[in-house]
């Protein structure tokens, strides 16, 4: 998209938080999912040295990885229909992106508290 990455990521964080807003005890899903995404990109690069985040794929990579992160880390599942609507794409395209991403990462989605804290500390101002 022509939307700057920072604006796009802010939108994704807000919409994830909005989805989980009314659920008790679930907060900062968007930020947590964004941090998980950074770890997922690193894992992709380790599994496939040819993997590159570029200006042509970065928006989609963050979109699908944040969806997967939210699904993996939360008991309440966000729907692909909702996320496709947020992204302005079809549900079938969203499903295909998710399947491709899951296969590429070999379903390696676990993030320990230590990993999350280290990443959070690295990005904290």
Foldseek 3Di string as FASTA:
>chain_A
DPDDPVVLLVLQQVLVCVVCVPPPPDHSLSVLLQLLLVVLLVLLCVLPVVDDQDPVCVSVSSLLSSQVLSCVPDPDHDDLCSSCVSVVHDSVVSVVSNVVSCVSSVVPRDDDPVNSVVSCVVPDD
